[in-house]
Amino acid sequence: MSHEEQDLIRAVAGFAVEQAAPEELPLFEETAGEYFRNPAAVFRSRQRDDAVGFGLELTLLTPYVLAVAGHVVQLLYSIVQETFADELKSTVAQRVRRLVRRDGGGGDSLTPEQLGRVRATAYARAVQLGLDDGRAGLLADSVAGGLVTVRA
């Protein structure tokens, strides 16, 4: 786990501990350090503390909050990725539209390497669909050639 991810988990967990168990805040950084070094060991040692606690409640909420916060951070990553993906769809669609414009104006252009990939992809798909090599090549050349725009 990266330091950046640990910092995010600490931030989410810190807010939660502040609300749910403020008495644990003085131990938060120490507990978080132990947790990030070996999460399973933190839970095992907490279970032993409970068993030997002589009637005292020694279980800290912080390790559990850190574990939950880790999952929450992963969810937040997914949410942000979905949001970016949705936002990028229209941008990507606009860029693709500019690549296929036939009027030659204002569009982007593909590099020779990219055109080669387009042709290879079109050819492979045409063969996969059952066209013979000659017709698959003609189709692939036509698709790739149609993306080449003449610049003024």
C-alpha atoms as a PDB file:
ATOM      1  CA  MET A   1       0.000   0.000   0.000  1.00  0.00           C
ATOM      2  CA  SER A   2       1.420   3.386  -0.965  1.00  0.00           C
ATOM      3  CA  HIS A   3       2.086   6.187   1.507  1.00  0.00           C
ATOM      4  CA  GLU A   4      -0.485   8.280  -0.347  1.00  0.00           C
ATOM      5  CA  GLU A   5      -3.143   5.618   0.177  1.00  0.00           C
ATOM      6  CA  GLN A   6      -2.162   5.260   3.842  1.00  0.00           C
ATOM      7  CA  ASP A   7      -2.514   9.032   4.257  1.00  0.00           C
ATOM      8  CA  LEU A   8      -6.009   8.920   2.754  1.00  0.00           C
ATOM      9  CA  ILE A   9      -6.982   6.040   5.027  1.00  0.00           C
ATOM     10  CA  ARG A  10      -5.589   7.923   8.031  1.00  0.00           C
ATOM     11  CA  ALA A  11      -7.620  10.985   7.072  1.00  0.00           C
ATOM     12  CA  VAL A  12     -10.896   9.072   6.707  1.00  0.00           C
ATOM     13  CA  ALA A  13     -10.235   7.050   9.863  1.00  0.00           C
ATOM     14  CA  GLY A  14      -9.179  10.139  11.807  1.00  0.00           C
ATOM     15  CA  PHE A  15     -12.509  11.839  11.140  1.00  0.00           C
ATOM     16  CA  ALA A  16     -14.376   8.707  12.186  1.00  0.00           C
ATOM     17  CA  VAL A  17     -12.346   8.178  15.382  1.00  0.00           C
ATOM     18  CA  GLU A  18     -12.821  11.835  16.260  1.00  0.00           C
ATOM     19  CA  GLN A  19     -16.579  11.265  16.126  1.00  0.00           C
ATOM     20  CA  ALA A  20     -16.931   7.718  17.426  1.00  0.00           C
ATOM     21  CA  ALA A  21     -14.084   7.343  19.932  1.00  0.00           C
ATOM     22  CA  PRO A  22     -12.393  10.694  20.637  1.00  0.00           C
ATOM     23  CA  GLU A  23     -10.696   9.208  23.707  1.00  0.00           C
ATOM     24  CA  GLU A  24      -8.558   7.140  21.303  1.00  0.00           C
ATOM     25  CA  LEU A  25      -7.161  10.151  19.434  1.00  0.00           C
ATOM     26  CA  PRO A  26      -3.970  10.314  21.545  1.00  0.00           C
ATOM     27  CA  LEU A  27      -3.219   6.713  20.450  1.00  0.00           C
ATOM     28  CA  PHE A  28      -4.376   7.140  16.858  1.00  0.00           C
ATOM     29  CA  GLU A  29      -1.005   7.619  15.137  1.00  0.00           C
ATOM     30  CA  GLU A  30       0.655   4.829  17.094  1.00  0.00           C
ATOM     31  CA  THR A  31      -2.227   2.455  16.382  1.00  0.00           C
ATOM     32  CA  ALA A  32      -2.286   3.464  12.713  1.00  0.00           C
ATOM     33  CA  GLY A  33       1.455   2.810  12.436  1.00  0.00           C
ATOM     34  CA  GLU A  34       1.020  -0.657  13.950  1.00  0.00           C
ATOM     35  CA  TYR A  35      -1.956  -1.301  11.696  1.00  0.00           C
ATOM     36  CA  PHE A  36      -0.109  -0.381   8.498  1.00  0.00           C
ATOM     37  CA  ARG A  37       2.924  -2.462   9.486  1.00  0.00           C
ATOM     38  CA  ASN A  38       0.822  -5.589  10.075  1.00  0.00           C
ATOM     39  CA  PRO A  39      -2.984  -5.299  10.130  1.00  0.00           C
ATOM     40  CA  ALA A  40      -3.601  -8.906  11.150  1.00  0.00           C
ATOM     41  CA  ALA A  41      -1.228  -8.630  14.118  1.00  0.00           C
ATOM     42  CA  VAL A  42      -3.096  -5.582  15.434  1.00  0.00           C
ATOM     43  CA  PHE A  43      -6.336  -7.547  15.501  1.00  0.00           C
ATOM     44  CA  ARG A  44      -4.697 -10.626  17.052  1.00  0.00           C
ATOM     45  CA  SER A  45      -3.103  -8.575  19.836  1.00  0.00           C
ATOM     46  CA  ARG A  46      -6.407  -6.828  20.482  1.00  0.00           C
ATOM     47  CA  GLN A  47      -8.143 -10.203  20.858  1.00  0.00           C
ATOM     48  CA  ARG A  48      -5.512 -11.347  23.380  1.00  0.00           C
ATOM     49  CA  ASP A  49      -5.957  -8.092  25.313  1.00  0.00           C
ATOM     50  CA  ASP A  50      -9.689  -8.778  25.533  1.00  0.00           C
ATOM     51  CA  ALA A  51      -9.115 -12.307  26.816  1.00  0.00           C
ATOM     52  CA  VAL A  52      -6.652 -11.211  29.505  1.00  0.00           C
ATOM     53  CA  GLY A  53      -8.350  -7.903  30.289  1.00  0.00           C
ATOM     54  CA  PHE A  54      -9.535  -8.849  33.810  1.00  0.00           C
ATOM     55  CA  GLY A  55     -12.906  -7.292  33.169  1.00  0.00           C
ATOM     56  CA  LEU A  56     -11.487  -4.152  31.548  1.00  0.00           C
ATOM     57  CA  GLU A  57     -12.605  -3.274  28.042  1.00  0.00           C
ATOM     58  CA  LEU A  58      -9.314  -2.782  26.208  1.00  0.00           C
ATOM     59  CA  THR A  59     -10.503  -3.150  22.625  1.00  0.00           C
ATOM     60  CA  LEU A  60      -9.747  -0.061  20.629  1.00  0.00           C
ATOM     61  CA  LEU A  61     -12.074   0.948  17.852  1.00  0.00           C
ATOM     62  CA  THR A  62      -9.251   2.538  15.851  1.00  0.00           C
ATOM     63  CA  PRO A  63      -7.930  -0.630  14.112  1.00  0.00           C
ATOM     64  CA  TYR A  64     -11.451  -1.440  12.968  1.00  0.00           C
ATOM     65  CA  VAL A  65     -11.950   2.106  11.754  1.00  0.00           C
ATOM     66  CA  LEU A  66      -8.671   1.885   9.819  1.00  0.00           C
ATOM     67  CA  ALA A  67      -9.742  -1.400   8.205  1.00  0.00           C
ATOM     68  CA  VAL A  68     -13.126   0.039   7.242  1.00  0.00           C
ATOM     69  CA  ALA A  69     -11.512   3.265   6.030  1.00  0.00           C
ATOM     70  CA  GLY A  70      -9.291   1.215   3.720  1.00  0.00           C
ATOM     71  CA  HIS A  71     -12.344  -0.211   2.021  1.00  0.00           C
ATOM     72  CA  VAL A  72     -13.975   3.203   1.891  1.00  0.00           C
ATOM     73  CA  VAL A  73     -10.885   4.691   0.203  1.00  0.00           C
ATOM     74  CA  GLN A  74     -10.998   1.888  -2.388  1.00  0.00           C
ATOM     75  CA  LEU A  75     -14.665   2.686  -2.997  1.00  0.00           C
ATOM     76  CA  LEU A  76     -13.828   6.381  -3.369  1.00  0.00           C
ATOM     77  CA  TYR A  77     -11.151   5.488  -5.926  1.00  0.00           C
ATOM     78  CA  SER A  78     -13.779   3.527  -7.867  1.00  0.00           C
ATOM     79  CA  ILE A  79     -16.306   6.359  -7.673  1.00  0.00           C
ATOM     80  CA  VAL A  80     -13.765   8.879  -8.935  1.00  0.00           C
ATOM     81  CA  GLN A  81     -12.668   6.524 -11.720  1.00  0.00           C
ATOM     82  CA  GLU A  82     -16.306   6.052 -12.782  1.00  0.00           C
ATOM     83  CA  THR A  83     -16.840   9.802 -12.720  1.00  0.00           C
ATOM     84  CA  PHE A  84     -13.747  10.412 -14.845  1.00  0.00           C
ATOM     85  CA  ALA A  85     -14.745   7.620 -17.207  1.00  0.00           C
ATOM     86  CA  ASP A  86     -18.174   9.190 -17.688  1.00  0.00           C
ATOM     87  CA  GLU A  87     -16.678  12.642 -18.179  1.00  0.00           C
ATOM     88  CA  LEU A  88     -14.067  11.302 -20.575  1.00  0.00           C
ATOM     89  CA  LYS A  89     -16.602   9.471 -22.733  1.00  0.00           C
ATOM     90  CA  SER A  90     -17.863  12.665 -24.337  1.00  0.00           C
ATOM     91  CA  THR A  91     -14.341  14.050 -24.712  1.00  0.00           C
ATOM     92  CA  VAL A  92     -13.138  10.805 -26.265  1.00  0.00           C
ATOM     93  CA  ALA A  93     -16.187  10.680 -28.544  1.00  0.00           C
ATOM     94  CA  GLN A  94     -15.424  14.223 -29.748  1.00  0.00           C
ATOM     95  CA  ARG A  95     -11.794  13.301 -30.450  1.00  0.00           C
ATOM     96  CA  VAL A  96     -12.856  10.173 -32.335  1.00  0.00           C
ATOM     97  CA  ARG A  97     -15.346  12.262 -34.338  1.00  0.00           C
ATOM     98  CA  ARG A  98     -12.513  14.600 -35.301  1.00  0.00           C
ATOM     99  CA  LEU A  99     -10.458  11.610 -36.436  1.00  0.00           C
ATOM    100  CA  VAL A 100     -13.167  10.404 -38.795  1.00  0.00           C
ATOM    101  CA  ARG A 101     -14.197  13.790 -40.223  1.00  0.00           C
ATOM    102  CA  ARG A 102     -14.061  13.671 -43.972  1.00  0.00           C
ATOM    103  CA  ASP A 103     -13.923  17.400 -44.642  1.00  0.00           C
ATOM    104  CA  GLY A 104     -10.290  17.653 -43.550  1.00  0.00           C
ATOM    105  CA  GLY A 105     -10.918  20.668 -41.371  1.00  0.00           C
ATOM    106  CA  GLY A 106     -10.005  21.062 -37.750  1.00  0.00           C
ATOM    107  CA  GLY A 107      -9.626  17.389 -37.061  1.00  0.00           C
ATOM    108  CA  ASP A 108      -6.917  15.414 -35.374  1.00  0.00           C
ATOM    109  CA  SER A 109      -4.815  13.058 -37.421  1.00  0.00           C
ATOM    110  CA  LEU A 110      -3.443   9.627 -36.676  1.00  0.00           C
ATOM    111  CA  THR A 111       0.249   8.852 -36.797  1.00  0.00           C
ATOM    112  CA  PRO A 112       1.451   6.269 -39.315  1.00  0.00           C
ATOM    113  CA  GLU A 113       1.878   3.800 -36.441  1.00  0.00           C
ATOM    114  CA  GLN A 114      -1.689   4.393 -35.260  1.00  0.00           C
ATOM    115  CA  LEU A 115      -2.998   3.977 -38.812  1.00  0.00           C
ATOM    116  CA  GLY A 116      -1.079   0.693 -38.986  1.00  0.00           C
ATOM    117  CA  ARG A 117      -2.821  -0.470 -35.807  1.00  0.00           C
ATOM    118  CA  VAL A 118      -6.203   0.549 -37.235  1.00  0.00           C
ATOM    119  CA  ARG A 119      -5.506  -1.382 -40.428  1.00  0.00           C
ATOM    120  CA  ALA A 120      -4.288  -4.459 -38.529  1.00  0.00           C
ATOM    121  CA  THR A 121      -7.343  -4.410 -36.278  1.00  0.00           C
ATOM    122  CA  ALA A 122      -9.726  -4.021 -39.209  1.00  0.00           C
ATOM    123  CA  TYR A 123      -7.970  -6.815 -41.106  1.00  0.00           C
ATOM    124  CA  ALA A 124      -8.006  -9.204 -38.144  1.00  0.00           C
ATOM    125  CA  ARG A 125     -11.682  -8.602 -37.510  1.00  0.00           C
ATOM    126  CA  ALA A 126     -12.573  -9.044 -41.176  1.00  0.00           C
ATOM    127  CA  VAL A 127     -10.733 -12.393 -41.270  1.00  0.00           C
ATOM    128  CA  GLN A 128     -12.417 -13.396 -38.014  1.00  0.00           C
ATOM    129  CA  LEU A 129     -15.779 -12.667 -39.643  1.00  0.00           C
ATOM    130  CA  GLY A 130     -14.919 -15.030 -42.523  1.00  0.00           C
ATOM    131  CA  LEU A 131     -13.634 -12.792 -45.328  1.00  0.00           C
ATOM    132  CA  ASP A 132     -10.807 -14.169 -47.419  1.00  0.00           C
ATOM    133  CA  ASP A 133      -7.381 -12.482 -47.219  1.00  0.00           C
ATOM    134  CA  GLY A 134      -7.904 -10.385 -50.356  1.00  0.00           C
ATOM    135  CA  ARG A 135     -11.255  -8.953 -49.328  1.00  0.00           C
ATOM    136  CA  ALA A 136     -10.111  -8.529 -45.695  1.00  0.00           C
ATOM    137  CA  GLY A 137      -7.091  -6.563 -46.953  1.00  0.00           C
ATOM    138  CA  LEU A 138      -9.261  -4.392 -49.197  1.00  0.00           C
ATOM    139  CA  LEU A 139     -11.646  -3.678 -46.336  1.00  0.00           C
ATOM    140  CA  ALA A 140      -8.767  -2.903 -43.935  1.00  0.00           C
ATOM    141  CA  ASP A 141      -7.106  -0.592 -46.464  1.00  0.00           C
ATOM    142  CA  SER A 142     -10.424   1.175 -47.034  1.00  0.00           C
ATOM    143  CA  VAL A 143     -11.048   1.708 -43.340  1.00  0.00           C
ATOM    144  CA  ALA A 144      -7.535   2.964 -42.638  1.00  0.00           C
ATOM    145  CA  GLY A 145      -7.479   5.063 -45.821  1.00  0.00           C
ATOM    146  CA  GLY A 146     -10.794   6.646 -44.893  1.00  0.00           C
ATOM    147  CA  LEU A 147      -9.202   7.989 -41.720  1.00  0.00           C
ATOM    148  CA  VAL A 148      -6.399   9.762 -43.567  1.00  0.00           C
ATOM    149  CA  THR A 149      -7.450  13.345 -44.097  1.00  0.00           C
ATOM    150  CA  VAL A 150      -5.912  15.718 -46.582  1.00  0.00           C
ATOM    151  CA  ARG A 151      -4.632  18.858 -44.893  1.00  0.00           C
ATOM    152  CA  ALA A 152      -4.696  22.158 -46.677  1.00  0.00           C
END
